[in-house]
């Protein structure tokens, strides 16, 4: 059993688009980071995502965030939104920004590897 104090460790959870997962994982493995990957789906557009759980020492946090900045890019896509004032329900293409990484950091109070 391995136990780690919370002041030195952090759990980062990163939600990224499916097309950015492989480059992000490869780059993170180069930093010797342990990764747990879960498939997920976005709530707004219903697109495939991946949620990465990264347990790491606090001193590696900035390096990991920089890797995610470089490998997870934002994109402009268009969705069809119906025009409210149109006599017929004609969809209008509306640009939206998707992608990038949503990163959450949580302090680790206790960790065991059994």
N, C-alpha and C. Protein backbone atom coordinates (compact mmCIF):
# COMPACT_ATOMS: atom_id res chain seq x y z
N UNK A 1 0.85 -1.17 0.00
CA UNK A 1 0.00 0.00 0.00
C UNK A 1 0.90 1.23 0.00
N UNK A 2 0.58 2.18 -0.87
CA UNK A 2 1.32 3.43 -0.96
C UNK A 2 0.40 4.57 -0.56
N UNK A 3 0.87 5.43 0.33
CA UNK A 3 0.07 6.55 0.79
C UNK A 3 0.83 7.83 0.52
N UNK A 4 0.11 8.86 0.06
CA UNK A 4 0.74 10.12 -0.30
C UNK A 4 0.05 11.27 0.41
N UNK A 5 0.80 12.24 0.93
CA UNK A 5 0.18 13.40 1.57
C UNK A 5 -0.49 14.30 0.55
N UNK A 6 -1.58 14.98 0.98
CA UNK A 6 -2.36 15.77 0.04
C UNK A 6 -1.65 17.03 -0.42
N UNK A 7 -0.72 17.54 0.32
CA UNK A 7 -0.10 18.81 -0.05
C UNK A 7 0.78 18.70 -1.28
N UNK A 8 1.15 17.48 -1.67
CA UNK A 8 2.05 17.32 -2.81
C UNK A 8 1.39 16.72 -4.04
N UNK A 9 0.11 16.38 -3.95
CA UNK A 9 -0.52 15.67 -5.05
C UNK A 9 -1.82 16.32 -5.47
N UNK A 10 -2.15 16.10 -6.75
CA UNK A 10 -3.37 16.69 -7.31
C UNK A 10 -3.96 15.69 -8.30
N UNK A 11 -5.26 15.73 -8.44
CA UNK A 11 -5.96 14.96 -9.46
C UNK A 11 -6.50 15.96 -10.46
N UNK A 12 -6.04 15.85 -11.70
CA UNK A 12 -6.59 16.68 -12.77
C UNK A 12 -7.56 15.83 -13.57
N UNK A 13 -8.72 16.39 -13.84
CA UNK A 13 -9.70 15.75 -14.72
C UNK A 13 -9.83 16.66 -15.94
N UNK A 14 -9.56 16.10 -17.11
CA UNK A 14 -9.62 16.88 -18.34
C UNK A 14 -10.65 16.25 -19.28
N UNK A 15 -11.61 17.05 -19.72
CA UNK A 15 -12.60 16.59 -20.69
C UNK A 15 -12.19 17.18 -22.03
N UNK A 16 -11.90 16.30 -23.00
CA UNK A 16 -11.41 16.75 -24.30
C UNK A 16 -12.16 16.03 -25.41
N UNK A 17 -12.10 16.59 -26.62
CA UNK A 17 -12.77 15.98 -27.76
C UNK A 17 -12.07 14.70 -28.19
N UNK A 18 -12.84 13.78 -28.73
CA UNK A 18 -12.33 12.47 -29.11
C UNK A 18 -11.14 12.58 -30.07
N UNK A 19 -11.18 13.54 -31.01
CA UNK A 19 -10.09 13.63 -31.99
C UNK A 19 -8.79 14.14 -31.39
N UNK A 20 -8.82 14.68 -30.16
CA UNK A 20 -7.61 15.17 -29.52
C UNK A 20 -7.04 14.19 -28.50
N UNK A 21 -7.74 13.10 -28.23
CA UNK A 21 -7.34 12.19 -27.16
C UNK A 21 -6.00 11.52 -27.43
N UNK A 22 -5.82 10.93 -28.59
CA UNK A 22 -4.58 10.19 -28.85
C UNK A 22 -3.34 11.08 -28.79
N UNK A 23 -3.33 12.26 -29.45
CA UNK A 23 -2.15 13.12 -29.32
C UNK A 23 -1.91 13.57 -27.88
N UNK A 24 -2.97 13.87 -27.14
CA UNK A 24 -2.82 14.30 -25.75
C UNK A 24 -2.24 13.18 -24.90
N UNK A 25 -2.77 11.97 -25.04
CA UNK A 25 -2.26 10.84 -24.26
C UNK A 25 -0.81 10.55 -24.57
N UNK A 26 -0.44 10.57 -25.84
CA UNK A 26 0.95 10.32 -26.21
C UNK A 26 1.89 11.34 -25.59
N UNK A 27 1.51 12.61 -25.64
CA UNK A 27 2.34 13.66 -25.07
C UNK A 27 2.43 13.54 -23.55
N UNK A 28 1.32 13.18 -22.90
CA UNK A 28 1.32 13.03 -21.44
C UNK A 28 2.14 11.83 -21.00
N UNK A 29 2.11 10.76 -21.77
CA UNK A 29 2.92 9.60 -21.44
C UNK A 29 4.41 9.95 -21.49
N UNK A 30 4.78 10.91 -22.35
CA UNK A 30 6.16 11.38 -22.40
C UNK A 30 6.59 12.08 -21.13
N UNK A 31 5.60 12.54 -20.33
CA UNK A 31 5.89 13.16 -19.03
C UNK A 31 5.85 12.15 -17.90
N UNK A 32 5.66 10.86 -18.26
CA UNK A 32 5.57 9.78 -17.28
C UNK A 32 4.39 9.99 -16.33
N UNK A 33 3.22 10.33 -16.91
CA UNK A 33 1.99 10.56 -16.16
C UNK A 33 1.09 9.34 -16.31
N UNK A 34 0.54 8.85 -15.21
CA UNK A 34 -0.45 7.77 -15.27
C UNK A 34 -1.80 8.36 -15.65
N UNK A 35 -2.44 7.73 -16.63
CA UNK A 35 -3.69 8.24 -17.18
C UNK A 35 -4.78 7.18 -17.09
N UNK A 36 -5.94 7.60 -16.63
CA UNK A 36 -7.15 6.76 -16.73
C UNK A 36 -8.08 7.48 -17.69
N UNK A 37 -8.50 6.77 -18.73
CA UNK A 37 -9.33 7.36 -19.78
C UNK A 37 -10.73 6.75 -19.76
N UNK A 38 -11.73 7.62 -19.73
CA UNK A 38 -13.12 7.18 -19.79
C UNK A 38 -13.79 7.83 -20.99
N UNK A 39 -14.55 7.05 -21.72
CA UNK A 39 -15.33 7.63 -22.81
C UNK A 39 -16.48 8.42 -22.22
N UNK A 40 -16.79 9.56 -22.84
CA UNK A 40 -17.91 10.39 -22.37
C UNK A 40 -18.56 11.06 -23.57
N UNK A 41 -19.69 11.67 -23.31
CA UNK A 41 -20.44 12.35 -24.37
C UNK A 41 -20.82 13.73 -23.86
N UNK A 42 -20.62 14.74 -24.71
CA UNK A 42 -20.98 16.10 -24.32
C UNK A 42 -22.48 16.27 -24.20
N UNK A 43 -22.90 17.09 -23.27
CA UNK A 43 -24.32 17.29 -23.03
C UNK A 43 -24.99 18.23 -24.02
N UNK A 44 -24.27 19.20 -24.57
CA UNK A 44 -24.87 20.19 -25.45
C UNK A 44 -25.03 19.67 -26.87
N UNK A 45 -23.96 19.16 -27.47
CA UNK A 45 -24.02 18.69 -28.85
C UNK A 45 -24.10 17.17 -28.97
N UNK A 46 -23.90 16.46 -27.87
CA UNK A 46 -23.95 15.00 -27.93
C UNK A 46 -22.77 14.40 -28.66
N UNK A 47 -21.64 15.10 -28.70
CA UNK A 47 -20.44 14.59 -29.39
C UNK A 47 -19.61 13.74 -28.45
N UNK A 48 -18.83 12.83 -29.06
CA UNK A 48 -17.95 11.97 -28.26
C UNK A 48 -16.81 12.79 -27.67
N UNK A 49 -16.53 12.54 -26.41
CA UNK A 49 -15.42 13.14 -25.70
C UNK A 49 -14.66 12.05 -24.98
N UNK A 50 -13.61 12.45 -24.31
CA UNK A 50 -12.91 11.56 -23.39
C UNK A 50 -12.65 12.34 -22.13
N UNK A 51 -12.81 11.68 -21.01
CA UNK A 51 -12.47 12.28 -19.73
C UNK A 51 -11.19 11.59 -19.25
N UNK A 52 -10.14 12.37 -19.07
CA UNK A 52 -8.87 11.85 -18.60
C UNK A 52 -8.72 12.18 -17.12
N UNK A 53 -8.36 11.19 -16.33
CA UNK A 53 -8.07 11.38 -14.92
C UNK A 53 -6.57 11.22 -14.75
N UNK A 54 -5.93 12.26 -14.24
CA UNK A 54 -4.49 12.30 -14.15
C UNK A 54 -4.07 12.56 -12.71
N UNK A 55 -3.53 11.56 -12.06
CA UNK A 55 -2.99 11.73 -10.71
C UNK A 55 -1.52 12.07 -10.83
N UNK A 56 -1.12 13.19 -10.23
CA UNK A 56 0.26 13.62 -10.41
C UNK A 56 0.74 14.47 -9.24
N UNK A 57 2.07 14.58 -9.11
CA UNK A 57 2.61 15.50 -8.12
C UNK A 57 2.29 16.94 -8.52
N UNK A 58 2.09 17.77 -7.53
CA UNK A 58 1.72 19.16 -7.78
C UNK A 58 2.72 19.88 -8.67
N UNK A 59 3.99 19.51 -8.58
CA UNK A 59 5.01 20.21 -9.37
C UNK A 59 4.95 19.88 -10.86
N UNK A 60 4.16 18.88 -11.26
CA UNK A 60 3.99 18.57 -12.69
C UNK A 60 2.74 19.19 -13.28
N UNK A 61 1.94 19.86 -12.47
CA UNK A 61 0.65 20.39 -12.93
C UNK A 61 0.80 21.34 -14.11
N UNK A 62 1.69 22.30 -14.04
CA UNK A 62 1.84 23.28 -15.12
C UNK A 62 2.29 22.62 -16.42
N UNK A 63 3.19 21.63 -16.33
CA UNK A 63 3.65 20.93 -17.53
C UNK A 63 2.50 20.17 -18.19
N UNK A 64 1.65 19.54 -17.38
CA UNK A 64 0.51 18.79 -17.91
C UNK A 64 -0.48 19.74 -18.57
N UNK A 65 -0.77 20.86 -17.93
CA UNK A 65 -1.70 21.83 -18.52
C UNK A 65 -1.15 22.37 -19.82
N UNK A 66 0.14 22.61 -19.90
CA UNK A 66 0.75 23.11 -21.14
C UNK A 66 0.63 22.07 -22.26
N UNK A 67 0.82 20.80 -21.94
CA UNK A 67 0.65 19.73 -22.94
C UNK A 67 -0.78 19.72 -23.45
N UNK A 68 -1.75 19.85 -22.55
CA UNK A 68 -3.15 19.85 -22.98
C UNK A 68 -3.47 21.08 -23.82
N UNK A 69 -2.87 22.22 -23.51
CA UNK A 69 -3.07 23.42 -24.35
C UNK A 69 -2.57 23.20 -25.78
N UNK A 70 -1.44 22.51 -25.89
CA UNK A 70 -0.83 22.30 -27.21
C UNK A 70 -1.52 21.22 -28.02
N UNK A 71 -2.10 20.22 -27.36
CA UNK A 71 -2.65 19.08 -28.10
C UNK A 71 -4.17 19.11 -28.25
N UNK A 72 -4.86 19.96 -27.51
CA UNK A 72 -6.32 20.01 -27.55
C UNK A 72 -6.74 21.37 -28.08
N UNK A 73 -7.07 21.43 -29.34
CA UNK A 73 -7.35 22.74 -29.94
C UNK A 73 -8.85 23.01 -30.07
N UNK A 74 -9.17 24.29 -30.06
CA UNK A 74 -10.56 24.69 -30.28
C UNK A 74 -10.82 24.77 -31.78
N UNK A 75 -12.07 24.52 -32.16
CA UNK A 75 -12.49 24.54 -33.56
C UNK A 75 -13.80 25.30 -33.67
N UNK A 76 -14.04 25.86 -34.84
CA UNK A 76 -15.34 26.48 -35.13
C UNK A 76 -16.13 25.50 -35.98
N UNK A 77 -17.32 25.19 -35.52
CA UNK A 77 -18.24 24.35 -36.30
C UNK A 77 -19.57 25.09 -36.40
N UNK A 78 -20.39 24.64 -37.30
CA UNK A 78 -21.69 25.28 -37.51
C UNK A 78 -22.80 24.31 -37.17
N UNK A 79 -23.80 24.81 -36.44
CA UNK A 79 -24.98 24.01 -36.15
C UNK A 79 -26.18 24.73 -36.76
N UNK A 80 -27.20 23.95 -37.09
CA UNK A 80 -28.40 24.52 -37.69
C UNK A 80 -29.36 24.95 -36.58
N UNK A 81 -29.67 26.23 -36.55
CA UNK A 81 -30.61 26.78 -35.57
C UNK A 81 -31.80 27.33 -36.34
N UNK A 82 -33.03 26.92 -36.01
CA UNK A 82 -34.20 27.44 -36.73
C UNK A 82 -34.37 28.95 -36.49
N UNK A 83 -34.71 29.66 -37.57
CA UNK A 83 -35.00 31.09 -37.46
C UNK A 83 -36.39 31.27 -36.87
N UNK A 84 -36.49 32.02 -35.80
CA UNK A 84 -37.78 32.18 -35.12
C UNK A 84 -38.77 33.02 -35.94
N UNK A 85 -38.28 34.01 -36.66
CA UNK A 85 -39.19 34.91 -37.37
C UNK A 85 -39.51 34.46 -38.80
N UNK A 86 -38.94 33.34 -39.23
CA UNK A 86 -39.18 32.88 -40.60
C UNK A 86 -40.54 32.20 -40.70
N UNK A 87 -41.26 32.40 -41.83
CA UNK A 87 -42.56 31.74 -41.99
C UNK A 87 -42.43 30.22 -42.11
N UNK A 88 -41.30 29.76 -42.64
CA UNK A 88 -41.02 28.33 -42.72
C UNK A 88 -39.85 28.02 -41.77
N UNK A 89 -39.80 26.85 -41.21
CA UNK A 89 -38.70 26.53 -40.29
C UNK A 89 -37.38 26.29 -41.03
N UNK A 90 -36.78 27.36 -41.52
CA UNK A 90 -35.50 27.26 -42.22
C UNK A 90 -34.36 27.35 -41.21
N UNK A 91 -33.46 26.38 -41.23
CA UNK A 91 -32.34 26.44 -40.30
C UNK A 91 -31.28 27.44 -40.78
N UNK A 92 -30.72 28.17 -39.86
CA UNK A 92 -29.64 29.10 -40.16
C UNK A 92 -28.36 28.55 -39.55
N UNK A 93 -27.28 28.47 -40.35
CA UNK A 93 -26.01 27.98 -39.78
C UNK A 93 -25.47 28.98 -38.75
N UNK A 94 -25.20 28.49 -37.57
CA UNK A 94 -24.70 29.33 -36.48
C UNK A 94 -23.35 28.81 -36.03
N UNK A 95 -22.32 29.67 -36.04
CA UNK A 95 -20.99 29.20 -35.62
C UNK A 95 -20.91 29.02 -34.10
N UNK A 96 -20.27 27.95 -33.69
CA UNK A 96 -20.00 27.72 -32.27
C UNK A 96 -18.55 27.27 -32.12
N UNK A 97 -17.96 27.58 -30.99
CA UNK A 97 -16.60 27.14 -30.70
C UNK A 97 -16.67 25.87 -29.87
N UNK A 98 -15.98 24.84 -30.34
CA UNK A 98 -15.93 23.57 -29.62
C UNK A 98 -14.48 23.18 -29.42
N UNK A 99 -14.27 22.21 -28.58
CA UNK A 99 -12.93 21.67 -28.40
C UNK A 99 -12.16 22.33 -27.28
N UNK A 100 -10.86 22.18 -27.37
CA UNK A 100 -10.02 22.62 -26.27
C UNK A 100 -10.09 21.58 -25.17
N UNK A 101 -9.72 21.99 -23.98
CA UNK A 101 -9.78 21.08 -22.83
C UNK A 101 -10.43 21.81 -21.67
N UNK A 102 -11.33 21.15 -21.01
CA UNK A 102 -11.88 21.64 -19.75
C UNK A 102 -11.17 20.87 -18.65
N UNK A 103 -10.42 21.59 -17.83
CA UNK A 103 -9.55 20.96 -16.83
C UNK A 103 -10.02 21.34 -15.43
N UNK A 104 -10.18 20.33 -14.59
CA UNK A 104 -10.56 20.52 -13.20
C UNK A 104 -9.44 19.96 -12.33
N UNK A 105 -9.05 20.69 -11.30
CA UNK A 105 -8.01 20.24 -10.39
C UNK A 105 -8.56 20.02 -9.00
N UNK A 106 -8.25 18.85 -8.42
CA UNK A 106 -8.72 18.51 -7.08
C UNK A 106 -7.52 18.11 -6.21
N UNK A 107 -7.44 18.67 -5.02
CA UNK A 107 -6.40 18.24 -4.08
C UNK A 107 -6.64 16.80 -3.68
N UNK A 108 -5.57 16.04 -3.51
CA UNK A 108 -5.67 14.65 -3.10
C UNK A 108 -5.34 14.57 -1.62
N UNK A 109 -6.33 14.13 -0.84
CA UNK A 109 -6.11 13.98 0.59
C UNK A 109 -5.53 12.62 0.93
N UNK A 110 -5.88 11.62 0.14
CA UNK A 110 -5.45 10.27 0.45
C UNK A 110 -5.36 9.48 -0.85
N UNK A 111 -4.33 8.66 -0.97
CA UNK A 111 -4.16 7.83 -2.15
C UNK A 111 -3.61 6.49 -1.72
N UNK A 112 -4.22 5.41 -2.21
CA UNK A 112 -3.72 4.07 -1.96
C UNK A 112 -3.67 3.30 -3.26
N UNK A 113 -2.64 2.53 -3.42
CA UNK A 113 -2.52 1.65 -4.58
C UNK A 113 -2.48 0.24 -4.02
N UNK A 114 -3.57 -0.52 -4.24
CA UNK A 114 -3.65 -1.86 -3.66
C UNK A 114 -3.74 -2.92 -4.72
